[in-house]
C-alpha atoms as a PDB file:
ATOM      1  CA  MET A   1      -0.003   0.006   0.006  1.00  0.00           C
ATOM      2  CA  LYS A   2       1.296   3.441  -0.914  1.00  0.00           C
ATOM      3  CA  ARG A   3       2.177   5.940   1.788  1.00  0.00           C
ATOM      4  CA  ARG A   4      -0.570   8.318   0.637  1.00  0.00           C
ATOM      5  CA  GLU A   5      -3.170   5.572   0.959  1.00  0.00           C
ATOM      6  CA  LEU A   6      -1.858   4.739   4.432  1.00  0.00           C
ATOM      7  CA  LEU A   7      -2.178   8.357   5.496  1.00  0.00           C
ATOM      8  CA  LYS A   8      -5.651   8.577   4.004  1.00  0.00           C
ATOM      9  CA  GLY A   9      -6.691   5.478   5.900  1.00  0.00           C
ATOM     10  CA  ALA A  10      -5.235   6.811   9.131  1.00  0.00           C
ATOM     11  CA  ALA A  11      -7.101  10.065   8.696  1.00  0.00           C
ATOM     12  CA  MET A  12     -10.359   8.128   8.522  1.00  0.00           C
ATOM     13  CA  LEU A  13      -9.795   6.300  11.825  1.00  0.00           C
ATOM     14  CA  PRO A  14     -11.257   8.973  14.123  1.00  0.00           C
ATOM     15  CA  PHE A  15     -14.358   9.182  11.931  1.00  0.00           C
ATOM     16  CA  LEU A  16     -14.774   5.409  11.836  1.00  0.00           C
ATOM     17  CA  ALA A  17     -14.303   5.204  15.600  1.00  0.00           C
ATOM     18  CA  GLN A  18     -16.980   7.818  16.075  1.00  0.00           C
ATOM     19  CA  VAL A  19     -19.381   5.884  13.852  1.00  0.00           C
ATOM     20  CA  VAL A  20     -18.749   2.644  15.751  1.00  0.00           C
ATOM     21  CA  PHE A  21     -19.126   4.436  19.100  1.00  0.00           C
ATOM     22  CA  SER A  22     -22.387   6.014  17.973  1.00  0.00           C
ATOM     23  CA  GLN A  23     -23.735   2.660  16.823  1.00  0.00           C
ATOM     24  CA  LYS A  24     -22.884   1.117  20.193  1.00  0.00           C
ATOM     25  CA  ARG A  25     -24.598   3.968  22.021  1.00  0.00           C
ATOM     26  CA  LEU A  26     -27.637   3.675  19.759  1.00  0.00           C
ATOM     27  CA  SER A  27     -28.003  -0.052  20.303  1.00  0.00           C
ATOM     28  CA  ALA A  28     -27.501   0.327  24.051  1.00  0.00           C
ATOM     29  CA  SER A  29     -29.953   3.208  24.390  1.00  0.00           C
ATOM     30  CA  SER A  30     -32.720   1.670  22.271  1.00  0.00           C
ATOM     31  CA  VAL A  31     -33.153  -1.594  24.164  1.00  0.00           C
ATOM     32  CA  LYS A  32     -36.601  -3.136  24.176  1.00  0.00           C
ATOM     33  CA  ILE A  33     -38.583  -2.553  27.372  1.00  0.00           C
ATOM     34  CA  ILE A  34     -39.044  -5.652  29.540  1.00  0.00           C
ATOM     35  CA  LYS A  35     -41.717  -5.614  32.237  1.00  0.00           C
ATOM     36  CA  PRO A  36     -41.330  -7.993  35.154  1.00  0.00           C
ATOM     37  CA  LYS A  37     -44.175 -10.069  36.532  1.00  0.00           C
ATOM     38  CA  ARG A  38     -46.308  -8.519  39.267  1.00  0.00           C
ATOM     39  CA  LEU A  39     -45.970  -9.544  42.895  1.00  0.00           C
ATOM     40  CA  LYS A  40     -48.606 -11.649  44.585  1.00  0.00           C
ATOM     41  CA  LYS A  41     -49.142 -12.290  48.265  1.00  0.00           C
ATOM     42  CA  GLY A  42     -47.159 -15.340  49.255  1.00  0.00           C
ATOM     43  CA  ASP A  43     -44.380 -14.648  46.749  1.00  0.00           C
ATOM     44  CA  THR A  44     -40.775 -14.813  47.925  1.00  0.00           C
ATOM     45  CA  VAL A  45     -38.609 -11.713  47.584  1.00  0.00           C
ATOM     46  CA  GLY A  46     -34.841 -11.668  47.822  1.00  0.00           C
ATOM     47  CA  VAL A  47     -33.444  -9.161  50.330  1.00  0.00           C
ATOM     48  CA  ILE A  48     -29.986  -7.903  49.382  1.00  0.00           C
ATOM     49  CA  ALA A  49     -27.677  -5.101  50.475  1.00  0.00           C
ATOM     50  CA  PRO A  50     -25.766  -3.942  47.372  1.00  0.00           C
ATOM     51  CA  SER A  51     -24.563  -0.789  49.137  1.00  0.00           C
ATOM     52  CA  SER A  52     -24.465  -0.287  52.927  1.00  0.00           C
ATOM     53  CA  GLY A  53     -25.949  -2.407  55.662  1.00  0.00           C
ATOM     54  CA  VAL A  54     -28.182  -1.751  58.654  1.00  0.00           C
ATOM     55  CA  SER A  55     -28.246  -2.525  62.334  1.00  0.00           C
ATOM     56  CA  PRO A  56     -29.664  -5.899  63.471  1.00  0.00           C
ATOM     57  CA  GLU A  57     -32.772  -4.063  64.731  1.00  0.00           C
ATOM     58  CA  ASP A  58     -33.359  -2.354  61.388  1.00  0.00           C
ATOM     59  CA  PHE A  59     -32.772  -5.636  59.595  1.00  0.00           C
ATOM     60  CA  GLU A  60     -35.611  -7.282  61.490  1.00  0.00           C
ATOM     61  CA  LYS A  61     -37.770  -4.226  60.810  1.00  0.00           C
ATOM     62  CA  ALA A  62     -37.033  -4.608  57.101  1.00  0.00           C
ATOM     63  CA  LEU A  63     -38.089  -8.236  57.043  1.00  0.00           C
ATOM     64  CA  GLN A  64     -41.244  -7.390  58.969  1.00  0.00           C
ATOM     65  CA  ASN A  65     -42.084  -4.627  56.478  1.00  0.00           C
ATOM     66  CA  LEU A  66     -42.085  -7.131  53.626  1.00  0.00           C
ATOM     67  CA  GLU A  67     -43.933  -9.769  55.604  1.00  0.00           C
ATOM     68  CA  ASP A  68     -46.625  -7.170  56.399  1.00  0.00           C
ATOM     69  CA  LEU A  69     -47.149  -6.896  52.623  1.00  0.00           C
ATOM     70  CA  GLY A  70     -47.905 -10.615  52.574  1.00  0.00           C
ATOM     71  CA  LEU A  71     -44.516 -11.575  51.142  1.00  0.00           C
ATOM     72  CA  LYS A  72     -41.972 -14.196  52.138  1.00  0.00           C
ATOM     73  CA  THR A  73     -38.334 -13.260  52.365  1.00  0.00           C
ATOM     74  CA  LYS A  74     -35.061 -14.918  51.375  1.00  0.00           C
ATOM     75  CA  VAL A  75     -32.008 -13.078  52.693  1.00  0.00           C
ATOM     76  CA  GLY A  76     -28.851 -12.721  50.638  1.00  0.00           C
ATOM     77  CA  LYS A  77     -25.740 -14.416  52.008  1.00  0.00           C
ATOM     78  CA  SER A  78     -23.917 -11.131  52.647  1.00  0.00           C
ATOM     79  CA  ALA A  79     -26.927  -8.951  53.437  1.00  0.00           C
ATOM     80  CA  ARG A  80     -26.024  -8.979  57.155  1.00  0.00           C
ATOM     81  CA  ALA A  81     -22.304  -8.534  56.552  1.00  0.00           C
ATOM     82  CA  VAL A  82     -20.346  -5.475  57.606  1.00  0.00           C
ATOM     83  CA  ASN A  83     -17.297  -4.179  55.784  1.00  0.00           C
ATOM     84  CA  GLY A  84     -16.796  -0.638  57.062  1.00  0.00           C
ATOM     85  CA  PHE A  85     -19.472   1.460  55.362  1.00  0.00           C
ATOM     86  CA  LEU A  86     -20.286  -1.403  53.004  1.00  0.00           C
ATOM     87  CA  ALA A  87     -22.407  -4.523  53.490  1.00  0.00           C
ATOM     88  CA  GLY A  88     -19.653  -7.000  52.695  1.00  0.00           C
ATOM     89  CA  ALA A  89     -16.941  -6.982  50.042  1.00  0.00           C
ATOM     90  CA  ASP A  90     -17.797  -5.982  46.488  1.00  0.00           C
ATOM     91  CA  ARG A  91     -17.702  -9.592  45.291  1.00  0.00           C
ATOM     92  CA  GLU A  92     -20.045 -10.706  48.071  1.00  0.00           C
ATOM     93  CA  ARG A  93     -22.581  -7.989  47.324  1.00  0.00           C
ATOM     94  CA  LEU A  94     -22.334  -8.627  43.583  1.00  0.00           C
ATOM     95  CA  ASP A  95     -22.828 -12.355  44.085  1.00  0.00           C
ATOM     96  CA  ASP A  96     -25.959 -11.676  46.139  1.00  0.00           C
ATOM     97  CA  LEU A  97     -27.335  -9.558  43.302  1.00  0.00           C
ATOM     98  CA  HIS A  98     -26.618 -12.251  40.738  1.00  0.00           C
ATOM     99  CA  ARG A  99     -27.983 -15.043  42.926  1.00  0.00           C
ATOM    100  CA  ALA A 100     -31.196 -13.158  43.580  1.00  0.00           C
ATOM    101  CA  PHE A 101     -31.864 -12.736  39.869  1.00  0.00           C
ATOM    102  CA  SER A 102     -30.907 -16.328  38.968  1.00  0.00           C
ATOM    103  CA  ASP A 103     -32.912 -17.938  41.787  1.00  0.00           C
ATOM    104  CA  THR A 104     -36.248 -18.989  40.255  1.00  0.00           C
ATOM    105  CA  ALA A 105     -37.919 -19.095  43.680  1.00  0.00           C
ATOM    106  CA  ILE A 106     -37.352 -15.364  44.102  1.00  0.00           C
ATOM    107  CA  LYS A 107     -39.998 -13.170  42.402  1.00  0.00           C
ATOM    108  CA  ALA A 108     -38.564  -9.761  43.311  1.00  0.00           C
ATOM    109  CA  VAL A 109     -35.259  -8.292  44.487  1.00  0.00           C
ATOM    110  CA  TRP A 110     -35.673  -5.779  47.316  1.00  0.00           C
ATOM    111  CA  CYS A 111     -32.717  -3.666  48.402  1.00  0.00           C
ATOM    112  CA  LEU A 112     -32.243  -3.414  52.151  1.00  0.00           C
ATOM    113  CA  ARG A 113     -31.050   0.207  52.092  1.00  0.00           C
ATOM    114  CA  GLY A 114     -29.018   2.722  50.100  1.00  0.00           C
ATOM    115  CA  GLY A 115     -25.994   4.323  51.716  1.00  0.00           C
ATOM    116  CA  TYR A 116     -22.973   3.889  49.468  1.00  0.00           C
ATOM    117  CA  GLY A 117     -21.305   1.242  47.330  1.00  0.00           C
ATOM    118  CA  ALA A 118     -23.641   0.254  44.481  1.00  0.00           C
ATOM    119  CA  SER A 119     -21.606   2.094  41.862  1.00  0.00           C
ATOM    120  CA  ARG A 120     -18.572  -0.036  42.726  1.00  0.00           C
ATOM    121  CA  LEU A 121     -20.419  -3.068  41.344  1.00  0.00           C
ATOM    122  CA  LEU A 122     -21.367  -1.646  37.944  1.00  0.00           C
ATOM    123  CA  PRO A 123     -18.405  -2.820  35.828  1.00  0.00           C
ATOM    124  CA  GLU A 124     -18.854  -6.461  36.925  1.00  0.00           C
ATOM    125  CA  ILE A 125     -22.629  -6.827  36.698  1.00  0.00           C
ATOM    126  CA  ASN A 126     -23.819  -9.655  34.468  1.00  0.00           C
ATOM    127  CA  PHE A 127     -26.514  -7.777  32.542  1.00  0.00           C
ATOM    128  CA  ASN A 128     -27.265 -10.784  30.338  1.00  0.00           C
ATOM    129  CA  LEU A 129     -28.146 -12.811  33.455  1.00  0.00           C
ATOM    130  CA  ILE A 130     -30.525 -10.070  34.599  1.00  0.00           C
ATOM    131  CA  LYS A 131     -32.093  -9.742  31.150  1.00  0.00           C
ATOM    132  CA  LYS A 132     -32.716 -13.471  30.971  1.00  0.00           C
ATOM    133  CA  ASN A 133     -34.270 -13.519  34.464  1.00  0.00           C
ATOM    134  CA  PRO A 134     -36.416 -10.376  34.616  1.00  0.00           C
ATOM    135  CA  LYS A 135     -38.026  -9.639  37.948  1.00  0.00           C
ATOM    136  CA  ILE A 136     -38.971  -6.648  40.107  1.00  0.00           C
ATOM    137  CA  PHE A 137     -35.965  -4.726  41.421  1.00  0.00           C
ATOM    138  CA  ILE A 138     -36.719  -1.985  43.969  1.00  0.00           C
ATOM    139  CA  GLY A 139     -34.880   0.552  46.132  1.00  0.00           C
ATOM    140  CA  TYR A 140     -33.801   4.198  46.031  1.00  0.00           C
ATOM    141  CA  SER A 141     -30.990   6.585  46.999  1.00  0.00           C
ATOM    142  CA  ASP A 142     -27.649   4.868  46.232  1.00  0.00           C
ATOM    143  CA  ILE A 143     -29.635   2.188  44.355  1.00  0.00           C
ATOM    144  CA  THR A 144     -30.074   4.800  41.596  1.00  0.00           C
ATOM    145  CA  ALA A 145     -26.770   3.626  40.139  1.00  0.00           C
ATOM    146  CA  LEU A 146     -28.213   0.139  39.673  1.00  0.00           C
ATOM    147  CA  HIS A 147     -31.549   1.390  38.311  1.00  0.00           C
ATOM    148  CA  THR A 148     -29.834   3.402  35.614  1.00  0.00           C
ATOM    149  CA  ALA A 149     -27.344   0.699  34.675  1.00  0.00           C
ATOM    150  CA  ILE A 150     -29.864  -2.154  34.608  1.00  0.00           C
ATOM    151  CA  TYR A 151     -32.529  -0.226  32.684  1.00  0.00           C
ATOM    152  CA  GLN A 152     -30.151   1.114  30.072  1.00  0.00           C
ATOM    153  CA  ASN A 153     -28.295  -2.170  29.541  1.00  0.00           C
ATOM    154  CA  THR A 154     -31.222  -4.610  29.633  1.00  0.00           C
ATOM    155  CA  GLY A 155     -34.456  -2.656  29.125  1.00  0.00           C
ATOM    156  CA  LEU A 156     -35.820  -4.086  32.389  1.00  0.00           C
ATOM    157  CA  VAL A 157     -38.249  -1.779  34.167  1.00  0.00           C
ATOM    158  CA  THR A 158     -36.965  -1.241  37.705  1.00  0.00           C
ATOM    159  CA  PHE A 159     -38.673   0.555  40.573  1.00  0.00           C
ATOM    160  CA  HIS A 160     -37.508   3.630  42.484  1.00  0.00           C
ATOM    161  CA  GLY A 161     -39.323   3.040  45.748  1.00  0.00           C
ATOM    162  CA  PRO A 162     -38.854   2.338  49.442  1.00  0.00           C
ATOM    163  CA  VAL A 163     -35.934   0.206  50.560  1.00  0.00           C
ATOM    164  CA  ALA A 164     -36.864  -2.697  52.802  1.00  0.00           C
ATOM    165  CA  ALA A 165     -35.673  -0.824  55.919  1.00  0.00           C
ATOM    166  CA  SER A 166     -37.824   2.266  55.158  1.00  0.00           C
ATOM    167  CA  THR A 167     -40.725   3.253  57.370  1.00  0.00           C
ATOM    168  CA  PHE A 168     -43.712   1.866  55.479  1.00  0.00           C
ATOM    169  CA  SER A 169     -46.493   4.363  56.071  1.00  0.00           C
ATOM    170  CA  ASP A 170     -49.973   3.696  54.719  1.00  0.00           C
ATOM    171  CA  TYR A 171     -49.257   6.074  51.806  1.00  0.00           C
ATOM    172  CA  THR A 172     -46.039   4.227  50.965  1.00  0.00           C
ATOM    173  CA  LYS A 173     -47.606   0.778  51.272  1.00  0.00           C
ATOM    174  CA  ASN A 174     -50.630   1.730  49.182  1.00  0.00           C
ATOM    175  CA  HIS A 175     -48.454   2.918  46.323  1.00  0.00           C
ATOM    176  CA  VAL A 176     -46.181  -0.132  46.535  1.00  0.00           C
ATOM    177  CA  ALA A 177     -49.248  -2.307  46.213  1.00  0.00           C
ATOM    178  CA  GLY A 178     -50.765  -0.092  43.522  1.00  0.00           C
ATOM    179  CA  VAL A 179     -47.670  -0.272  41.337  1.00  0.00           C
ATOM    180  CA  LEU A 180     -46.208  -3.724  42.049  1.00  0.00           C
ATOM    181  CA  MET A 181     -49.128  -5.930  43.108  1.00  0.00           C
ATOM    182  CA  ASN A 182     -52.441  -4.533  41.863  1.00  0.00           C
ATOM    183  CA  PRO A 183     -51.415  -2.379  38.886  1.00  0.00           C
ATOM    184  CA  SER A 184     -53.781  -0.344  36.786  1.00  0.00           C
ATOM    185  CA  ALA A 185     -53.384   2.302  34.103  1.00  0.00           C
ATOM    186  CA  PRO A 186     -53.755   5.194  34.068  1.00  0.00           C
ATOM    187  CA  TYR A 187     -52.601   5.391  37.698  1.00  0.00           C
ATOM    188  CA  ARG A 188     -52.704   8.898  39.169  1.00  0.00           C
ATOM    189  CA  ILE A 189     -50.243   9.666  41.983  1.00  0.00           C
ATOM    190  CA  GLU A 190     -51.126  12.693  44.150  1.00  0.00           C
ATOM    191  CA  LEU A 191     -49.234  14.371  46.952  1.00  0.00           C
ATOM    192  CA  SER A 192     -49.156  12.779  50.383  1.00  0.00           C
ATOM    193  CA  PRO A 193     -51.551  14.687  52.690  1.00  0.00           C
ATOM    194  CA  ASP A 194     -49.063  14.278  55.555  1.00  0.00           C
ATOM    195  CA  ASN A 195     -46.291  15.792  53.431  1.00  0.00           C
ATOM    196  CA  VAL A 196     -48.517  18.721  52.462  1.00  0.00           C
ATOM    197  CA  ALA A 197     -49.318  19.352  56.126  1.00  0.00           C
ATOM    198  CA  LYS A 198     -45.692  19.626  57.216  1.00  0.00           C
ATOM    199  CA  GLU A 199     -44.463  23.086  58.172  1.00  0.00           C
ATOM    200  CA  SER A 200     -41.053  22.796  56.548  1.00  0.00           C
ATOM    201  CA  ASN A 201     -40.729  24.822  53.345  1.00  0.00           C
ATOM    202  CA  LEU A 202     -38.961  21.836  51.798  1.00  0.00           C
ATOM    203  CA  PHE A 203     -42.253  19.962  51.698  1.00  0.00           C
ATOM    204  CA  LYS A 204     -44.074  22.758  49.850  1.00  0.00           C
ATOM    205  CA  THR A 205     -44.586  22.373  46.114  1.00  0.00           C
ATOM    206  CA  GLU A 206     -43.117  25.015  43.841  1.00  0.00           C
ATOM    207  CA  ILE A 207     -43.804  25.247  40.138  1.00  0.00           C
ATOM    208  CA  ILE A 208     -40.519  26.199  38.484  1.00  0.00           C
ATOM    209  CA  THR A 209     -41.978  26.166  34.967  1.00  0.00           C
ATOM    210  CA  PRO A 210     -45.683  25.392  34.441  1.00  0.00           C
ATOM    211  CA  GLY A 211     -46.953  22.857  31.988  1.00  0.00           C
ATOM    212  CA  LYS A 212     -48.008  19.300  31.240  1.00  0.00           C
ATOM    213  CA  CYS A 213     -45.896  16.688  29.473  1.00  0.00           C
ATOM    214  CA  ARG A 214     -45.623  12.980  28.729  1.00  0.00           C
ATOM    215  CA  GLY A 215     -42.592  10.705  28.501  1.00  0.00           C
ATOM    216  CA  ALA A 216     -40.831   7.670  29.909  1.00  0.00           C
ATOM    217  CA  LEU A 217     -39.570   8.049  33.501  1.00  0.00           C
ATOM    218  CA  ILE A 218     -35.837   8.099  34.221  1.00  0.00           C
ATOM    219  CA  GLY A 219     -33.785   9.393  37.133  1.00  0.00           C
ATOM    220  CA  GLY A 220     -33.317   8.970  40.857  1.00  0.00           C
ATOM    221  CA  ASN A 221     -30.937  10.454  43.400  1.00  0.00           C
ATOM    222  CA  LEU A 222     -29.150  13.567  42.120  1.00  0.00           C
ATOM    223  CA  SER A 223     -25.829  12.751  43.806  1.00  0.00           C
ATOM    224  CA  LEU A 224     -25.727   9.358  42.098  1.00  0.00           C
ATOM    225  CA  LEU A 225     -26.796  10.695  38.701  1.00  0.00           C
ATOM    226  CA  THR A 226     -23.858  13.070  38.783  1.00  0.00           C
ATOM    227  CA  ALA A 227     -21.489  10.468  40.265  1.00  0.00           C
ATOM    228  CA  VAL A 228     -21.870   8.243  37.179  1.00  0.00           C
ATOM    229  CA  ALA A 229     -21.641  11.160  34.724  1.00  0.00           C
ATOM    230  CA  GLY A 230     -18.778  10.607  32.308  1.00  0.00           C
ATOM    231  CA  THR A 231     -18.774   6.836  32.874  1.00  0.00           C
ATOM    232  CA  PRO A 232     -20.242   4.062  30.683  1.00  0.00           C
ATOM    233  CA  PHE A 233     -23.175   3.995  33.125  1.00  0.00           C
ATOM    234  CA  ALA A 234     -24.191   7.657  32.807  1.00  0.00           C
ATOM    235  CA  LEU A 235     -27.691   8.750  31.801  1.00  0.00           C
ATOM    236  CA  ARG A 236     -28.152   8.635  28.050  1.00  0.00           C
ATOM    237  CA  ASN A 237     -30.931   8.850  25.490  1.00  0.00           C
ATOM    238  CA  THR A 238     -32.886  11.376  27.539  1.00  0.00           C
ATOM    239  CA  ASN A 239     -34.837  12.726  24.558  1.00  0.00           C
ATOM    240  CA  GLY A 240     -38.512  13.135  25.403  1.00  0.00           C
ATOM    241  CA  LYS A 241     -38.123  11.554  28.865  1.00  0.00           C
ATOM    242  CA  ILE A 242     -39.415  12.815  32.226  1.00  0.00           C
ATOM    243  CA  LEU A 243     -36.474  13.103  34.608  1.00  0.00           C
ATOM    244  CA  PHE A 244     -37.277  12.634  38.291  1.00  0.00           C
ATOM    245  CA  ILE A 245     -34.728  13.770  40.880  1.00  0.00           C
ATOM    246  CA  GLU A 246     -34.402  13.765  44.672  1.00  0.00           C
ATOM    247  CA  ASP A 247     -31.687  14.239  47.286  1.00  0.00           C
ATOM    248  CA  VAL A 248     -31.116  14.691  50.990  1.00  0.00           C
ATOM    249  CA  GLY A 249     -28.760  16.578  53.309  1.00  0.00           C
ATOM    250  CA  GLU A 250     -27.147  18.710  50.603  1.00  0.00           C
ATOM    251  CA  GLN A 251     -26.572  22.446  50.923  1.00  0.00           C
ATOM    252  CA  PRO A 252     -28.090  24.509  48.074  1.00  0.00           C
ATOM    253  CA  TYR A 253     -24.649  25.355  46.681  1.00  0.00           C
ATOM    254  CA  ARG A 254     -23.925  21.606  46.392  1.00  0.00           C
ATOM    255  CA  VAL A 255     -27.263  21.061  44.628  1.00  0.00           C
ATOM    256  CA  ASP A 256     -26.272  23.891  42.294  1.00  0.00           C
ATOM    257  CA  ARG A 257     -22.931  22.225  41.607  1.00  0.00           C
ATOM    258  CA  MET A 258     -24.547  18.873  40.842  1.00  0.00           C
ATOM    259  CA  LEU A 259     -27.225  20.369  38.590  1.00  0.00           C
ATOM    260  CA  THR A 260     -24.542  22.330  36.781  1.00  0.00           C
ATOM    261  CA  GLN A 261     -22.596  19.126  36.187  1.00  0.00           C
ATOM    262  CA  LEU A 262     -25.747  17.384  34.986  1.00  0.00           C
ATOM    263  CA  ARG A 263     -26.458  20.237  32.570  1.00  0.00           C
ATOM    264  CA  GLN A 264     -22.967  19.908  31.134  1.00  0.00           C
ATOM    265  CA  THR A 265     -23.153  16.151  30.643  1.00  0.00           C
ATOM    266  CA  VAL A 266     -26.817  15.709  29.651  1.00  0.00           C
ATOM    267  CA  ASP A 267     -28.853  17.926  27.315  1.00  0.00           C
ATOM    268  CA  LEU A 268     -31.673  18.704  29.741  1.00  0.00           C
ATOM    269  CA  ARG A 269     -33.491  20.791  27.113  1.00  0.00           C
ATOM    270  CA  ARG A 270     -34.317  17.600  25.240  1.00  0.00           C
ATOM    271  CA  LEU A 271     -36.262  16.250  28.223  1.00  0.00           C
ATOM    272  CA  ALA A 272     -40.058  16.407  28.217  1.00  0.00           C
ATOM    273  CA  GLY A 273     -40.095  17.622  31.823  1.00  0.00           C
ATOM    274  CA  ILE A 274     -38.537  17.349  35.297  1.00  0.00           C
ATOM    275  CA  ALA A 275     -40.240  16.111  38.465  1.00  0.00           C
ATOM    276  CA  LEU A 276     -38.426  17.013  41.678  1.00  0.00           C
ATOM    277  CA  GLY A 277     -39.149  15.207  44.924  1.00  0.00           C
ATOM    278  CA  VAL A 278     -38.709  16.491  48.461  1.00  0.00           C
ATOM    279  CA  PHE A 279     -35.093  17.480  49.085  1.00  0.00           C
ATOM    280  CA  GLU A 280     -35.179  16.873  52.827  1.00  0.00           C
ATOM    281  CA  ASP A 281     -32.616  18.684  54.994  1.00  0.00           C
ATOM    282  CA  CYS A 282     -31.400  20.843  52.084  1.00  0.00           C
ATOM    283  CA  ASN A 283     -32.024  24.271  53.565  1.00  0.00           C
ATOM    284  CA  PRO A 284     -29.073  26.698  53.520  1.00  0.00           C
ATOM    285  CA  LYS A 285     -26.956  27.363  56.580  1.00  0.00           C
ATOM    286  CA  ASP A 286     -27.330  30.723  58.295  1.00  0.00           C
ATOM    287  CA  GLY A 287     -25.923  33.506  56.158  1.00  0.00           C
ATOM    288  CA  ASP A 288     -26.217  31.709  52.816  1.00  0.00           C
ATOM    289  CA  SER A 289     -28.102  33.884  50.379  1.00  0.00           C
ATOM    290  CA  GLN A 290     -29.756  31.326  48.123  1.00  0.00           C
ATOM    291  CA  SER A 291     -32.497  28.891  49.078  1.00  0.00           C
ATOM    292  CA  LEU A 292     -32.949  25.497  47.493  1.00  0.00           C
ATOM    293  CA  VAL A 293     -35.848  26.778  45.377  1.00  0.00           C
ATOM    294  CA  ASP A 294     -33.711  29.739  44.251  1.00  0.00           C
ATOM    295  CA  VAL A 295     -31.093  27.271  42.993  1.00  0.00           C
ATOM    296  CA  LEU A 296     -33.698  25.115  41.265  1.00  0.00           C
ATOM    297  CA  LYS A 297     -35.160  28.116  39.495  1.00  0.00           C
ATOM    298  CA  ASP A 298     -31.729  29.308  38.409  1.00  0.00           C
ATOM    299  CA  ARG A 299     -30.486  25.932  37.158  1.00  0.00           C
ATOM    300  CA  LEU A 300     -33.731  24.514  35.718  1.00  0.00           C
ATOM    301  CA  GLY A 301     -36.002  27.468  35.040  1.00  0.00           C
ATOM    302  CA  ASP A 302     -34.535  28.312  31.619  1.00  0.00           C
ATOM    303  CA  LEU A 303     -34.965  24.896  30.011  1.00  0.00           C
ATOM    304  CA  GLY A 304     -38.335  25.608  28.428  1.00  0.00           C
ATOM    305  CA  ILE A 305     -39.929  22.431  29.823  1.00  0.00           C
ATOM    306  CA  PRO A 306     -42.347  21.806  32.716  1.00  0.00           C
ATOM    307  CA  VAL A 307     -40.546  21.580  36.077  1.00  0.00           C
ATOM    308  CA  ILE A 308     -42.068  21.205  39.526  1.00  0.00           C
ATOM    309  CA  TYR A 309     -40.557  20.723  43.017  1.00  0.00           C
ATOM    310  CA  GLY A 310     -42.014  18.934  46.018  1.00  0.00           C
ATOM    311  CA  LEU A 311     -43.642  15.735  44.769  1.00  0.00           C
ATOM    312  CA  SER A 312     -43.948  12.954  47.352  1.00  0.00           C
ATOM    313  CA  PHE A 313     -40.837  10.919  46.765  1.00  0.00           C
ATOM    314  CA  GLY A 314     -37.291  10.993  48.122  1.00  0.00           C
ATOM    315  CA  HIS A 315     -35.800  10.509  51.565  1.00  0.00           C
ATOM    316  CA  VAL A 316     -39.155  10.978  53.246  1.00  0.00           C
ATOM    317  CA  ARG A 317     -41.546   8.663  55.062  1.00  0.00           C
ATOM    318  CA  ASP A 318     -44.425   9.032  52.612  1.00  0.00           C
ATOM    319  CA  GLN A 319     -43.124   8.189  49.153  1.00  0.00           C
ATOM    320  CA  PHE A 320     -44.593   6.724  46.017  1.00  0.00           C
ATOM    321  CA  THR A 321     -43.013   4.128  43.758  1.00  0.00           C
ATOM    322  CA  LEU A 322     -41.770   5.132  40.295  1.00  0.00           C
ATOM    323  CA  PRO A 323     -41.254   2.565  37.512  1.00  0.00           C
ATOM    324  CA  VAL A 324     -38.120   3.474  35.534  1.00  0.00           C
ATOM    325  CA  GLY A 325     -38.809   3.324  31.816  1.00  0.00           C
ATOM    326  CA  ILE A 326     -42.605   3.524  32.005  1.00  0.00           C
ATOM    327  CA  LYS A 327     -44.536   6.295  30.229  1.00  0.00           C
ATOM    328  CA  ALA A 328     -46.102   8.869  32.515  1.00  0.00           C
ATOM    329  CA  GLU A 329     -47.723  12.288  32.458  1.00  0.00           C
ATOM    330  CA  LEU A 330     -46.484  15.158  34.623  1.00  0.00           C
ATOM    331  CA  ASP A 331     -48.932  17.959  35.402  1.00  0.00           C
ATOM    332  CA  THR A 332     -47.476  20.877  37.343  1.00  0.00           C
ATOM    333  CA  GLU A 333     -50.851  22.572  37.951  1.00  0.00           C
ATOM    334  CA  SER A 334     -52.282  19.554  39.818  1.00  0.00           C
ATOM    335  CA  ALA A 335     -48.843  18.447  41.127  1.00  0.00           C
ATOM    336  CA  THR A 336     -49.454  14.903  39.917  1.00  0.00           C
ATOM    337  CA  LEU A 337     -47.698  12.129  38.089  1.00  0.00           C
ATOM    338  CA  THR A 338     -49.923   9.720  36.204  1.00  0.00           C
ATOM    339  CA  LEU A 339     -48.545   6.389  35.068  1.00  0.00           C
ATOM    340  CA  LEU A 340     -49.926   5.774  31.604  1.00  0.00           C
ATOM    341  CA  GLU A 341     -49.086   2.090  31.589  1.00  0.00           C
ATOM    342  CA  THR A 342     -48.370  -0.534  34.188  1.00  0.00           C
ATOM    343  CA  GLY A 343     -44.794  -1.289  35.205  1.00  0.00           C
ATOM    344  CA  VAL A 344     -45.481  -5.017  35.629  1.00  0.00           C
ATOM    345  CA  ILE A 345     -47.398  -7.672  33.743  1.00  0.00           C
END
């Protein structure tokens, strides 16, 4: 081959690499939606701790929560383990995740709590195993990393909802049952009356940009969404989606920083809308000039899409369950999310 032809071929390499990369991203972001089977009373759920663990007292509370829903429990081998701030070593927690999905007796995988550590498992997850054994997967907070990775790599609808160790109020239990056990569509989710009655300004709804929109639900904990930004497990294919976000214990300037990072890694203008939960314990310290709502208006108010703060999900007692990947309608005027299809079959 002549030198000129070699140089011409070399000049084409970046372009070819970009084409191949784009094709991989396209195939990964256009996976077919898989809905898991609904839960029935008497079903066995696997209880795992892919992030942090809990005290023995909270562990028993978690098992009782699930039994009160009429479910049987099967505890992961390392779910009670302690490894500093983690529930066991990475391999132990990963093995529990894989065993729960491969065990045919287990009908759902329920995360014990969030905390930290789920993102450490992402590179080693066997997504083919999960895709071949679809079942309900539920949790929130740090579990966001797993929701995003599993949904985007398998198409499996997962559920942003209470961890097993949460306080299961009547509101929370009713929405768990309404989404996972007795599904219907359309399914309208309204604010928790107890949340509305709270005096804290963080529980008050605030319309950032009015409007109504429809799209598939994606999202979760803001800290985790930004933590995976720039990795193979980052949010992608957000076009026409409704992004839901929540967080806890973050100062407004930190929320500003995370939203700024999200804006610079994801084209938020291509979303259909944004639903913000209750950002508990996110008020500014004395002397700080900006409130949480000020930050949200500044960072999200110019997107030209409906945005509302204060829906009943997040690190709060009363929270509803959100199926990741399912089409929904957001209405800022009524402060409601309506699931337009069921998340289970």
